[in-house]
Protein backbone atom coordinates (compact mmCIF):
# COMPACT_ATOMS: atom_id res chain seq x y z
CA MET A 1 6.52 62.60 206.89
CA ASP A 2 9.35 63.22 204.30
CA THR A 3 9.62 60.05 202.13
CA GLU A 4 13.39 60.64 201.73
CA LEU A 5 13.60 59.74 205.61
CA LEU A 6 11.80 56.67 205.13
CA LYS A 7 14.01 55.69 202.13
CA THR A 8 16.73 56.47 204.06
CA PHE A 9 15.75 54.51 206.61
CA LEU A 10 14.89 51.17 204.68
CA GLU A 11 18.31 51.72 203.08
CA VAL A 12 20.32 51.59 206.28
CA ALA A 13 17.78 48.72 207.26
CA LYS A 14 19.10 46.76 204.01
CA THR A 15 22.55 47.27 204.21
CA ARG A 16 23.18 47.59 208.14
CA HIS A 17 25.60 50.09 207.48
CA PHE A 18 25.30 53.74 207.43
CA GLY A 19 28.62 54.04 205.03
CA ARG A 20 27.06 51.97 202.38
CA ALA A 21 23.73 53.03 202.79
CA ALA A 22 25.38 56.59 202.26
CA ASP A 23 27.25 55.25 198.91
CA ASN A 24 23.93 53.81 197.63
CA LEU A 25 21.79 56.95 198.37
CA TYR A 26 24.70 59.00 196.60
CA LEU A 27 24.79 60.89 200.04
CA THR A 28 27.63 61.60 202.89
CA GLN A 29 27.43 59.23 205.86
CA SER A 30 26.74 62.59 207.89
CA ALA A 31 23.37 63.38 205.97
CA VAL A 32 22.23 59.71 206.33
CA SER A 33 22.91 59.90 210.08
CA PHE A 34 21.05 63.18 210.15
CA ARG A 35 17.77 61.75 208.30
CA ILE A 36 17.76 58.60 210.59
CA ARG A 37 18.04 60.76 214.00
CA GLN A 38 15.43 63.39 212.14
CA LEU A 39 13.17 60.46 211.69
CA GLU A 40 13.60 58.83 215.38
CA GLY A 41 12.89 62.26 216.70
CA GLN A 42 9.73 62.39 214.98
CA LEU A 43 8.74 58.84 216.17
CA GLY A 44 10.26 58.91 219.62
CA ASN A 45 12.31 55.71 219.65
CA ALA A 46 15.58 54.62 218.34
CA LEU A 47 15.11 52.87 215.22
CA PHE A 48 18.73 51.30 215.24
CA SER A 49 21.30 49.86 217.94
CA ARG A 50 24.65 51.44 216.81
CA GLN A 51 27.39 49.51 217.78
CA ARG A 52 30.84 49.39 216.17
CA GLY A 53 30.79 47.20 213.18
CA ASN A 54 26.98 45.92 214.16
CA VAL A 55 24.25 48.52 212.86
CA HIS A 56 20.84 46.32 213.41
CA LEU A 57 17.49 47.36 213.78
CA THR A 58 15.59 47.84 217.45
CA PRO A 59 12.57 46.36 218.14
CA ALA A 60 10.80 49.70 217.27
CA GLY A 61 12.77 49.89 213.97
CA GLU A 62 11.52 46.40 213.16
CA ARG A 63 7.99 47.64 213.77
CA MET A 64 8.67 50.15 211.62
CA GLN A 65 9.95 48.79 208.59
CA PRO A 66 6.87 47.41 207.05
CA TYR A 67 5.06 50.60 207.91
CA ALA A 68 7.81 52.50 205.79
CA GLU A 69 7.57 50.18 203.05
CA ALA A 70 3.89 50.48 202.82
CA ILE A 71 3.68 54.20 202.94
CA LEU A 72 6.77 54.30 199.94
CA GLN A 73 4.46 51.85 197.84
CA THR A 74 1.34 54.01 198.39
CA TRP A 75 3.06 57.36 197.63
CA GLY A 76 4.74 55.90 194.84
CA ARG A 77 1.40 54.54 193.45
CA ALA A 78 -0.31 57.92 194.39
CA LYS A 79 2.43 59.96 192.32
CA GLN A 80 1.59 57.67 189.08
CA ASP A 81 -2.20 57.87 189.40
CA VAL A 82 -2.08 61.57 190.10
CA ALA A 83 0.39 62.19 186.61
CA LEU A 84 -1.81 60.06 184.45
CA SER A 85 -2.52 61.93 180.93
CA ASP A 86 -5.50 62.13 179.21
CA SER A 87 -4.09 59.36 176.76
CA LEU A 88 -3.21 57.04 179.75
CA ASN A 89 -6.14 57.51 182.11
CA ALA A 90 -6.77 54.34 183.88
CA GLN A 91 -4.02 52.72 186.22
CA ILE A 92 -4.36 48.78 187.47
CA SER A 93 -1.56 47.55 189.67
CA ILE A 94 -1.02 43.44 189.47
CA GLY A 95 0.88 41.58 192.16
CA ALA A 96 2.51 38.09 191.70
CA SER A 97 5.36 36.02 192.91
CA ALA A 98 8.70 37.02 191.06
CA MET A 99 8.37 33.19 189.30
CA PHE A 100 4.92 34.25 187.64
CA TRP A 101 6.24 36.82 185.89
CA GLU A 102 9.04 34.68 184.58
CA PHE A 103 6.49 32.58 182.91
CA ASP A 104 6.97 32.99 178.93
CA GLY A 105 3.36 33.84 177.59
CA ILE A 106 2.37 36.40 180.47
CA SER A 107 3.59 39.12 178.13
CA ASP A 108 1.39 38.32 175.55
CA TRP A 109 -1.52 38.49 177.93
CA ILE A 110 -0.36 41.83 179.23
CA ASN A 111 -0.08 43.13 175.48
CA ARG A 112 -3.73 41.68 175.07
CA LEU A 113 -4.56 43.76 178.12
CA TYR A 114 -3.23 47.49 176.43
CA SER A 115 -5.39 46.13 173.14
CA ALA A 116 -8.87 45.42 175.06
CA ILE A 117 -8.47 48.43 177.54
CA PRO A 118 -7.61 51.73 175.74
CA GLY A 119 -5.85 54.28 178.22
CA LEU A 120 -4.61 51.64 180.16
CA ALA A 121 -1.30 52.05 182.40
CA LEU A 122 0.15 48.89 184.40
CA ARG A 123 2.17 48.56 187.27
CA VAL A 124 3.24 44.87 187.76
CA GLU A 125 5.05 44.14 191.07
CA SER A 126 7.14 41.07 192.43
CA VAL A 127 4.87 40.48 195.72
CA PRO A 128 5.99 37.84 198.05
CA ARG A 129 2.94 34.97 198.48
CA GLN A 130 2.80 35.94 202.23
CA SER A 131 1.77 39.26 202.17
CA MET A 132 -0.67 39.08 198.99
CA ALA A 133 -3.90 39.43 200.77
CA LYS A 134 -2.46 42.14 202.99
CA ARG A 135 -1.37 44.19 199.72
CA LEU A 136 -4.65 43.63 198.38
CA PHE A 137 -6.65 44.80 201.31
CA ASP A 138 -4.63 47.99 201.97
CA LYS A 139 -4.77 48.70 197.83
CA SER A 140 -1.20 48.98 197.09
CA ILE A 141 -2.23 46.28 194.50
CA ASP A 142 -5.34 46.10 192.86
CA VAL A 143 -5.22 42.25 191.48
CA SER A 144 -2.65 39.32 192.32
CA LEU A 145 -1.88 36.36 190.21
CA THR A 146 -1.28 33.34 192.68
CA CYS A 147 -1.61 29.76 192.78
CA GLU A 148 -2.92 29.97 196.52
CA PRO A 149 -6.15 32.91 196.31
CA PRO A 150 -7.07 33.38 200.05
CA ARG A 151 -10.41 32.19 201.52
CA ILE A 152 -11.61 35.78 202.26
CA GLU A 153 -15.54 36.44 201.51
CA SER A 154 -14.56 40.08 200.18
CA MET A 155 -12.14 38.77 197.82
CA GLN A 156 -13.12 37.66 194.11
CA VAL A 157 -11.26 35.05 192.33
CA LYS A 158 -11.26 34.01 188.93
CA LYS A 159 -9.24 30.29 187.51
CA VAL A 160 -7.43 31.47 184.59
CA ARG A 161 -5.16 28.40 183.90
CA GLU A 162 -4.15 25.08 185.21
CA PHE A 163 -0.95 23.80 184.61
CA GLN A 164 1.27 20.55 186.46
CA LEU A 165 4.36 20.62 188.07
CA GLN A 166 7.07 17.54 187.34
CA LEU A 167 9.61 16.30 189.35
CA VAL A 168 13.19 16.47 186.99
CA CYS A 169 16.51 15.89 186.85
CA ASN A 170 19.67 16.17 184.21
CA LYS A 171 20.39 12.27 184.39
CA PRO A 172 18.29 9.62 182.47
CA ASN A 173 16.84 6.44 183.84
CA CYS A 174 16.32 8.44 187.04
CA THR A 175 13.71 7.05 189.60
CA LEU A 176 11.95 7.97 192.55
CA ALA A 177 13.49 5.05 194.52
CA ASN A 178 16.90 6.41 194.06
CA ALA A 179 16.21 10.22 194.22
CA LYS A 180 17.66 10.11 197.82
CA GLU A 181 21.25 10.27 196.19
CA MET A 182 20.31 13.44 194.04
CA PRO A 183 20.48 17.09 195.95
CA LEU A 184 17.34 18.98 195.95
CA VAL A 185 16.32 22.15 194.15
CA TYR A 186 12.86 23.60 195.76
CA LEU A 187 10.62 26.26 194.68
CA ASP A 188 8.18 27.68 196.71
CA TRP A 189 4.72 26.92 195.40
CA GLY A 190 2.51 27.37 198.26
CA THR A 191 1.18 25.59 201.02
CA ARG A 192 -0.66 22.85 199.44
CA PHE A 193 2.68 22.00 197.58
CA SER A 194 4.78 22.29 200.44
CA VAL A 195 2.62 19.85 202.20
CA GLU A 196 2.53 17.18 198.96
CA HIS A 197 6.28 17.76 198.44
CA GLY A 198 6.60 16.55 202.14
CA ARG A 199 4.79 13.49 201.96
CA ILE A 200 7.19 12.17 199.46
CA SER A 201 9.89 10.51 201.84
CA GLU A 202 12.65 10.29 199.10
CA LEU A 203 12.68 14.31 198.59
CA ASP A 204 12.94 14.82 202.49
CA LYS A 205 16.21 16.51 202.60
CA THR A 206 17.64 20.06 202.77
CA PRO A 207 17.86 21.64 199.37
CA ILE A 208 20.82 22.31 197.92
CA LEU A 209 19.12 25.48 196.27
CA HIS A 210 15.95 26.80 197.80
CA ALA A 211 14.48 29.44 195.01
CA HIS A 212 11.87 31.75 193.96
CA SER A 213 12.86 31.94 190.40
CA SER A 214 12.14 28.74 187.91
CA LYS A 215 14.46 30.06 185.32
CA MET A 216 17.04 30.01 187.92
CA ALA A 217 16.17 26.30 189.24
CA LEU A 218 15.90 25.34 185.91
CA GLU A 219 19.30 26.60 184.70
CA TYR A 220 21.05 25.04 188.02
CA ILE A 221 19.09 21.61 187.24
CA LEU A 222 20.29 21.64 183.62
CA ASN A 223 23.91 22.45 184.92
CA SER A 224 23.96 20.39 188.03
CA PRO A 225 23.19 16.78 189.14
CA SER A 226 20.21 17.88 191.20
CA MET A 227 16.19 17.40 190.45
CA GLY A 228 13.32 19.62 191.61
CA TYR A 229 9.69 20.16 190.41
CA LEU A 230 9.17 22.77 187.77
CA PRO A 231 5.92 23.72 185.59
CA SER A 232 5.92 21.10 182.56
CA PRO A 233 5.66 23.83 180.05
CA VAL A 234 8.97 25.19 181.42
CA VAL A 235 10.74 21.97 181.01
CA ALA A 236 8.94 20.47 178.05
CA GLN A 237 11.71 21.66 175.47
CA SER A 238 14.79 20.53 177.35
CA VAL A 239 12.91 17.11 178.23
CA GLU A 240 11.97 17.10 174.57
CA GLU A 241 15.94 17.79 173.63
CA GLY A 242 16.87 15.24 176.11
CA ASN A 243 18.61 17.60 178.40
CA LEU A 244 16.19 16.85 181.10
CA PHE A 245 14.37 13.78 182.04
CA VAL A 246 11.28 13.36 184.04
CA VAL A 247 11.85 11.27 186.96
CA GLU A 248 9.82 7.65 187.15
CA GLY A 249 7.66 7.27 189.38
CA ALA A 250 7.32 10.80 191.04
CA PRO A 251 3.78 11.81 191.39
CA VAL A 252 2.69 14.85 189.04
CA MET A 253 1.32 17.86 190.97
CA GLU A 254 -1.75 19.79 189.49
CA GLN A 255 -1.55 23.56 189.99
CA GLN A 256 -3.89 26.28 189.09
CA LEU A 257 -3.49 29.90 188.39
CA PHE A 258 -6.04 32.46 189.68
CA LEU A 259 -6.57 36.07 189.52
CA VAL A 260 -7.58 37.63 193.03
CA TRP A 261 -8.96 41.15 193.43
CA SER A 262 -10.93 42.59 196.47
CA GLU A 263 -14.91 43.44 195.71
CA ASP A 264 -14.92 46.69 197.41
CA ASN A 265 -11.90 48.33 195.52
CA GLU A 266 -12.96 51.62 193.32
CA LYS A 267 -11.51 50.49 190.45
CA ALA A 268 -13.90 47.49 190.14
CA GLU A 269 -15.42 48.43 186.63
CA LEU A 270 -11.89 48.98 185.14
CA ILE A 271 -10.81 45.51 187.09
CA ALA A 272 -13.98 43.58 185.27
CA SER A 273 -12.67 44.62 181.92
CA MET A 274 -9.26 43.38 183.14
CA VAL A 275 -9.86 39.61 184.13
CA ASP A 276 -12.30 39.33 181.22
CA VAL A 277 -9.10 39.31 178.69
CA PRO A 278 -8.17 35.85 178.00
CA PHE A 279 -5.29 33.96 178.99
CA SER A 280 -5.17 31.81 176.02
CA HIS A 281 -1.46 31.42 175.22
CA LEU A 282 -0.57 31.74 179.26
CA ILE A 283 1.56 28.90 180.28
CA GLU A 284 1.32 26.64 177.19
CA SER A 285 3.47 28.85 175.09
CA VAL A 286 6.27 28.76 178.14
């Protein structure tokens, strides 16, 4: 299958507009339409419902979308693996939620990986928590960094760090008792966090900001009257400088970071070398 057809399909699915997709792909609109017709002809199903000003995926198109994404990810990884040189002869793909890649200190761990494993080539990807296990199974990533490891027998898990989530706001003397007056910023730290967060009746409100970026959440809370749970190392400097305040009476939530990989991955020896590299400065140096 022509991967350019899949790229075009995904761009139209994202923009919901043939003209905008054409602009983004540096193609003419007729070329985009032709590619979509080619792909539909190969699949024997219409992928888009085309109505004036309203282009949307058909049920077949919705089923096709995750396959197109997986095929392109696998193809990209295959091209990089095949192109490895004599000096770069070992590739590992690491997936994590976007907020984990934002942690200061993770670059130190990446640098230690390069020092410990000669010839290493890394791919780091932002992967939604909900699709992490699937990506490990189909081997489009080799290792995941997560705070919620899947409970699957074939998955190997190693705890690498512990950290805390604290409820903070930008106003002094804020207590959990008056938390209902403050807009809520919500970061998705996983199911366990969601359950614990839901038990705090004072925080039972629609978030003014639902984010997947700790830095975005931090900047918002620093500049707007609001509160939210953030990693204690992320907020430590702002608290010390008096720009943020820990909400009195709010429970502190314990979190852990894990490396997860499939035991039947053909790169098991390389992964073992990677997971042995310490996370000694990750999180604390945030």
